[in-house]
């Protein structure tokens, strides 16, 4: 949104990791996977590496994974999810949503 200030993706990733239990933070720092078309900008993986490294504790190893197929990874993941036999159980009808509100997602999908 024009004129709206918000955190960069590196700050958002860092803030998300820091809200998790300390026991799993190293695993999270070590497994940052870039996906989606907007991650195709040249040098974005190196920049993420540099910027998260600057924010994270010096004892943490930072790894940014930028697979070549990341442009389509989101679509591929959705396609795999939709093909699972259990996916139909996650569907939410308008009636269910109207009755329970957004919390229905947590009940049916997680």
N, C-alpha and C. Protein backbone atom coordinates (compact mmCIF):
# COMPACT_ATOMS: atom_id res chain seq x y z
N UNK A 1 0.83 -1.17 0.00
CA UNK A 1 0.00 0.00 0.00
C UNK A 1 0.88 1.24 0.00
N UNK A 2 0.56 2.13 -0.84
CA UNK A 2 1.33 3.35 -1.00
C UNK A 2 1.34 4.16 0.29
N UNK A 3 2.53 4.56 0.71
CA UNK A 3 2.67 5.39 1.90
C UNK A 3 2.62 4.63 3.21
N UNK A 4 2.48 3.32 3.15
CA UNK A 4 2.39 2.52 4.37
C UNK A 4 3.76 1.93 4.71
N UNK A 5 4.20 2.11 5.92
CA UNK A 5 5.48 1.57 6.36
C UNK A 5 5.28 0.16 6.90
N UNK A 6 6.17 -0.75 6.51
CA UNK A 6 6.12 -2.09 7.07
C UNK A 6 7.52 -2.68 7.05
N UNK A 7 7.70 -3.75 7.79
CA UNK A 7 9.00 -4.41 7.88
C UNK A 7 9.36 -5.07 6.56
N UNK A 8 10.65 -5.19 6.31
CA UNK A 8 11.12 -5.94 5.16
C UNK A 8 10.97 -7.43 5.42
N UNK A 9 11.14 -8.22 4.39
CA UNK A 9 10.98 -9.68 4.53
C UNK A 9 12.02 -10.25 5.50
N UNK A 10 13.23 -9.70 5.51
CA UNK A 10 14.25 -10.19 6.44
C UNK A 10 13.85 -9.93 7.89
N UNK A 11 13.26 -8.76 8.16
CA UNK A 11 12.81 -8.44 9.51
C UNK A 11 11.62 -9.30 9.91
N UNK A 12 10.73 -9.54 8.96
CA UNK A 12 9.56 -10.37 9.23
C UNK A 12 9.99 -11.80 9.55
N UNK A 13 10.94 -12.34 8.77
CA UNK A 13 11.45 -13.69 9.03
C UNK A 13 12.13 -13.74 10.41
N UNK A 14 12.97 -12.76 10.68
CA UNK A 14 13.66 -12.69 11.98
C UNK A 14 12.66 -12.61 13.13
N UNK A 15 11.69 -11.71 13.03
CA UNK A 15 10.69 -11.55 14.10
C UNK A 15 9.90 -12.84 14.31
N UNK A 16 9.57 -13.53 13.23
CA UNK A 16 8.84 -14.80 13.34
C UNK A 16 9.67 -15.85 14.06
N UNK A 17 10.94 -15.95 13.70
CA UNK A 17 11.82 -16.92 14.34
C UNK A 17 11.97 -16.61 15.83
N UNK A 18 12.13 -15.34 16.15
CA UNK A 18 12.34 -14.96 17.55
C UNK A 18 11.10 -15.18 18.42
N UNK A 19 9.94 -15.33 17.81
CA UNK A 19 8.72 -15.62 18.57
C UNK A 19 8.56 -17.11 18.85
N UNK A 20 9.43 -17.93 18.26
CA UNK A 20 9.37 -19.38 18.46
C UNK A 20 10.21 -19.79 19.66
N UNK A 21 9.99 -21.02 20.12
CA UNK A 21 10.78 -21.56 21.23
C UNK A 21 12.26 -21.52 20.89
N UNK A 22 13.07 -21.24 21.88
CA UNK A 22 14.52 -21.16 21.66
C UNK A 22 15.09 -22.49 21.16
N UNK A 23 14.44 -23.59 21.52
CA UNK A 23 14.92 -24.92 21.12
C UNK A 23 14.91 -25.13 19.61
N UNK A 24 14.05 -24.44 18.89
CA UNK A 24 13.95 -24.69 17.45
C UNK A 24 14.48 -23.54 16.59
N UNK A 25 14.96 -22.50 17.21
CA UNK A 25 15.41 -21.33 16.44
C UNK A 25 16.55 -21.65 15.48
N UNK A 26 17.54 -22.44 15.92
CA UNK A 26 18.65 -22.76 15.01
C UNK A 26 18.14 -23.48 13.77
N UNK A 27 17.22 -24.42 13.96
CA UNK A 27 16.65 -25.13 12.80
C UNK A 27 15.93 -24.17 11.86
N UNK A 28 15.25 -23.20 12.42
CA UNK A 28 14.53 -22.22 11.58
C UNK A 28 15.51 -21.31 10.85
N UNK A 29 16.55 -20.84 11.54
CA UNK A 29 17.56 -20.02 10.87
C UNK A 29 18.26 -20.79 9.77
N UNK A 30 18.35 -22.09 9.94
CA UNK A 30 19.08 -22.95 9.01
C UNK A 30 18.22 -23.43 7.84
N UNK A 31 16.94 -23.07 7.82
CA UNK A 31 16.04 -23.58 6.79
C UNK A 31 15.08 -22.51 6.27
N UNK A 32 15.60 -21.42 5.77
CA UNK A 32 14.79 -20.37 5.17
C UNK A 32 14.67 -20.66 3.68
N UNK A 33 13.50 -21.05 3.25
CA UNK A 33 13.28 -21.42 1.84
C UNK A 33 12.54 -20.29 1.14
N UNK A 34 13.13 -19.77 0.09
CA UNK A 34 12.48 -18.74 -0.71
C UNK A 34 11.55 -19.42 -1.71
N UNK A 35 10.34 -18.88 -1.87
CA UNK A 35 9.41 -19.43 -2.86
C UNK A 35 8.52 -18.33 -3.39
N UNK A 36 8.06 -18.52 -4.61
CA UNK A 36 7.18 -17.54 -5.25
C UNK A 36 7.94 -16.67 -6.24
N UNK A 37 7.20 -16.11 -7.16
CA UNK A 37 7.79 -15.32 -8.24
C UNK A 37 8.58 -14.11 -7.78
N UNK A 38 8.18 -13.50 -6.67
CA UNK A 38 8.89 -12.30 -6.22
C UNK A 38 10.26 -12.61 -5.63
N UNK A 39 10.58 -13.89 -5.46
CA UNK A 39 11.92 -14.25 -4.96
C UNK A 39 12.89 -14.47 -6.11
N UNK A 40 12.47 -14.17 -7.33
CA UNK A 40 13.32 -14.39 -8.49
C UNK A 40 14.24 -13.20 -8.79
N UNK A 41 14.14 -12.14 -8.01
CA UNK A 41 15.02 -10.98 -8.23
C UNK A 41 16.47 -11.41 -8.05
N UNK A 42 17.35 -10.97 -8.95
CA UNK A 42 18.77 -11.32 -8.83
C UNK A 42 19.34 -10.85 -7.49
N UNK A 43 20.06 -11.73 -6.82
CA UNK A 43 20.74 -11.39 -5.58
C UNK A 43 19.89 -11.41 -4.32
N UNK A 44 18.62 -11.80 -4.44
CA UNK A 44 17.75 -11.76 -3.25
C UNK A 44 18.20 -12.75 -2.17
N UNK A 45 18.68 -13.91 -2.57
CA UNK A 45 19.13 -14.90 -1.58
C UNK A 45 20.34 -14.37 -0.81
N UNK A 46 21.29 -13.78 -1.53
CA UNK A 46 22.48 -13.22 -0.87
C UNK A 46 22.10 -12.08 0.06
N UNK A 47 21.16 -11.26 -0.38
CA UNK A 47 20.73 -10.13 0.46
C UNK A 47 20.03 -10.64 1.72
N UNK A 48 19.16 -11.64 1.56
CA UNK A 48 18.49 -12.22 2.74
C UNK A 48 19.52 -12.78 3.71
N UNK A 49 20.50 -13.48 3.17
CA UNK A 49 21.57 -14.05 4.00
C UNK A 49 22.26 -12.95 4.80
N UNK A 50 22.64 -11.90 4.12
CA UNK A 50 23.35 -10.78 4.75
C UNK A 50 22.48 -10.09 5.80
N UNK A 51 21.24 -9.82 5.46
CA UNK A 51 20.38 -9.04 6.35
C UNK A 51 19.92 -9.84 7.57
N UNK A 52 19.62 -11.12 7.40
CA UNK A 52 19.23 -11.94 8.56
C UNK A 52 20.45 -12.19 9.45
N UNK A 53 21.61 -12.40 8.83
CA UNK A 53 22.84 -12.58 9.60
C UNK A 53 23.10 -11.36 10.48
N UNK A 54 22.84 -10.18 9.97
CA UNK A 54 23.05 -8.95 10.74
C UNK A 54 22.10 -8.84 11.94
N UNK A 55 20.91 -9.42 11.83
CA UNK A 55 19.92 -9.34 12.90
C UNK A 55 20.07 -10.47 13.93
N UNK A 56 20.43 -11.65 13.47
CA UNK A 56 20.44 -12.85 14.31
C UNK A 56 21.63 -12.84 15.28
N UNK A 57 21.50 -13.59 16.36
CA UNK A 57 22.64 -13.75 17.26
C UNK A 57 23.83 -14.33 16.49
N UNK A 58 25.03 -13.90 16.85
CA UNK A 58 26.23 -14.31 16.11
C UNK A 58 26.48 -15.81 16.18
N UNK A 59 25.89 -16.50 17.15
CA UNK A 59 26.08 -17.94 17.28
C UNK A 59 25.23 -18.74 16.30
N UNK A 60 24.29 -18.09 15.64
CA UNK A 60 23.37 -18.79 14.75
C UNK A 60 23.93 -18.91 13.33
N UNK A 61 23.80 -20.10 12.78
CA UNK A 61 24.17 -20.33 11.39
C UNK A 61 22.92 -20.03 10.55
N UNK A 62 23.07 -19.19 9.54
CA UNK A 62 21.95 -18.79 8.70
C UNK A 62 22.10 -19.46 7.35
N UNK A 63 21.01 -20.06 6.87
CA UNK A 63 21.03 -20.69 5.55
C UNK A 63 19.77 -20.28 4.80
N UNK A 64 19.97 -19.71 3.63
CA UNK A 64 18.86 -19.33 2.76
C UNK A 64 18.86 -20.31 1.59
N UNK A 65 17.74 -20.96 1.39
CA UNK A 65 17.60 -21.94 0.31
C UNK A 65 16.77 -21.30 -0.79
N UNK A 66 17.36 -21.22 -1.99
CA UNK A 66 16.67 -20.60 -3.13
C UNK A 66 16.65 -21.59 -4.29
N UNK A 67 15.74 -22.57 -4.25
CA UNK A 67 15.71 -23.57 -5.32
C UNK A 67 15.37 -22.93 -6.67
N UNK A 68 15.92 -23.46 -7.75
CA UNK A 68 15.68 -22.87 -9.07
C UNK A 68 14.20 -22.88 -9.46
N UNK A 69 13.43 -23.83 -8.96
CA UNK A 69 12.01 -23.93 -9.32
C UNK A 69 11.12 -23.10 -8.39
N UNK A 70 11.71 -22.23 -7.59
CA UNK A 70 10.94 -21.49 -6.58
C UNK A 70 9.86 -20.60 -7.15
N UNK A 71 10.00 -20.20 -8.40
CA UNK A 71 8.97 -19.36 -9.03
C UNK A 71 7.61 -20.06 -9.00
N UNK A 72 7.63 -21.38 -9.12
CA UNK A 72 6.39 -22.15 -9.17
C UNK A 72 6.15 -22.99 -7.92
N UNK A 73 7.00 -22.85 -6.91
CA UNK A 73 6.90 -23.69 -5.70
C UNK A 73 5.56 -23.53 -4.99
N UNK A 74 5.03 -22.33 -4.95
CA UNK A 74 3.76 -22.10 -4.28
C UNK A 74 2.65 -22.85 -5.01
N UNK A 75 2.65 -22.77 -6.33
CA UNK A 75 1.64 -23.47 -7.13
C UNK A 75 1.80 -24.98 -6.97
N UNK A 76 3.04 -25.45 -7.02
CA UNK A 76 3.30 -26.89 -6.88
C UNK A 76 2.82 -27.39 -5.51
N UNK A 77 3.10 -26.63 -4.46
CA UNK A 77 2.64 -27.01 -3.12
C UNK A 77 1.13 -27.07 -3.03
N UNK A 78 0.45 -26.09 -3.61
CA UNK A 78 -1.01 -26.09 -3.63
C UNK A 78 -1.56 -27.26 -4.42
N UNK A 79 -0.89 -27.59 -5.51
CA UNK A 79 -1.31 -28.72 -6.34
C UNK A 79 -1.18 -30.04 -5.57
N UNK A 80 -0.08 -30.18 -4.85
CA UNK A 80 0.12 -31.39 -4.05
C UNK A 80 -0.93 -31.48 -2.95
N UNK A 81 -1.17 -30.36 -2.26
CA UNK A 81 -2.19 -30.34 -1.20
C UNK A 81 -3.55 -30.73 -1.75
N UNK A 82 -3.92 -30.17 -2.89
CA UNK A 82 -5.23 -30.45 -3.48
C UNK A 82 -5.38 -31.90 -3.91
N UNK A 83 -4.26 -32.57 -4.19
CA UNK A 83 -4.33 -33.97 -4.63
C UNK A 83 -4.38 -34.97 -3.47
N UNK A 84 -4.17 -34.51 -2.24
CA UNK A 84 -4.21 -35.41 -1.09
C UNK A 84 -5.63 -35.88 -0.81
N UNK A 85 -5.76 -37.12 -0.41
CA UNK A 85 -7.09 -37.66 -0.12
C UNK A 85 -7.72 -36.97 1.10
N UNK A 86 -6.91 -36.42 1.98
CA UNK A 86 -7.42 -35.76 3.18
C UNK A 86 -7.80 -34.30 2.94
N UNK A 87 -7.52 -33.78 1.76
CA UNK A 87 -7.76 -32.36 1.51
C UNK A 87 -9.23 -31.99 1.60
N UNK A 88 -10.10 -32.88 1.14
CA UNK A 88 -11.54 -32.58 1.17
C UNK A 88 -12.04 -32.30 2.59
N UNK A 89 -11.41 -32.94 3.57
CA UNK A 89 -11.81 -32.72 4.97
C UNK A 89 -11.48 -31.31 5.44
N UNK A 90 -10.59 -30.62 4.72
CA UNK A 90 -10.19 -29.26 5.09
C UNK A 90 -11.08 -28.18 4.47
N UNK A 91 -11.92 -28.57 3.55
CA UNK A 91 -12.78 -27.59 2.89
C UNK A 91 -13.68 -26.93 3.93
N UNK A 92 -13.92 -25.66 3.75
CA UNK A 92 -14.77 -24.90 4.66
C UNK A 92 -15.91 -24.29 3.86
N UNK A 93 -17.11 -24.63 4.25
CA UNK A 93 -18.28 -24.08 3.55
C UNK A 93 -18.56 -22.66 4.05
N UNK A 94 -19.32 -21.93 3.29
CA UNK A 94 -19.71 -20.58 3.70
C UNK A 94 -20.48 -20.64 5.02
N UNK A 95 -21.34 -21.63 5.14
CA UNK A 95 -22.14 -21.78 6.36
C UNK A 95 -21.23 -22.00 7.57
N UNK A 96 -20.23 -22.89 7.43
CA UNK A 96 -19.29 -23.14 8.53
C UNK A 96 -18.54 -21.86 8.90
N UNK A 97 -18.10 -21.13 7.88
CA UNK A 97 -17.37 -19.89 8.13
C UNK A 97 -18.27 -18.85 8.81
N UNK A 98 -19.49 -18.74 8.32
CA UNK A 98 -20.42 -17.78 8.92
C UNK A 98 -20.71 -18.11 10.38
N UNK A 99 -20.78 -19.40 10.70
CA UNK A 99 -21.08 -19.82 12.07
C UNK A 99 -19.88 -19.67 13.01
N UNK A 100 -18.69 -20.04 12.54
CA UNK A 100 -17.52 -20.09 13.42
C UNK A 100 -16.55 -18.93 13.22
N UNK A 101 -16.62 -18.27 12.08
CA UNK A 101 -15.67 -17.20 11.79
C UNK A 101 -14.31 -17.75 11.39
N UNK A 102 -13.30 -16.90 11.38
CA UNK A 102 -11.96 -17.32 10.92
C UNK A 102 -11.35 -18.47 11.71
N UNK A 103 -11.78 -18.67 12.95
CA UNK A 103 -11.20 -19.75 13.76
C UNK A 103 -11.49 -21.14 13.19
N UNK A 104 -12.45 -21.25 12.31
CA UNK A 104 -12.76 -22.54 11.68
C UNK A 104 -11.54 -23.09 10.94
N UNK A 105 -10.71 -22.21 10.43
CA UNK A 105 -9.51 -22.64 9.70
C UNK A 105 -8.61 -23.44 10.62
N UNK A 106 -8.43 -22.98 11.84
CA UNK A 106 -7.56 -23.69 12.79
C UNK A 106 -8.15 -25.04 13.18
N UNK A 107 -9.44 -25.11 13.29
CA UNK A 107 -10.10 -26.36 13.67
C UNK A 107 -10.02 -27.40 12.56
N UNK A 108 -10.19 -26.98 11.32
CA UNK A 108 -10.28 -27.95 10.22
C UNK A 108 -8.95 -28.22 9.52
N UNK A 109 -8.01 -27.31 9.62
CA UNK A 109 -6.80 -27.44 8.81
C UNK A 109 -5.54 -27.76 9.59
N UNK A 110 -5.58 -27.61 10.91
CA UNK A 110 -4.35 -27.84 11.67
C UNK A 110 -4.55 -28.88 12.74
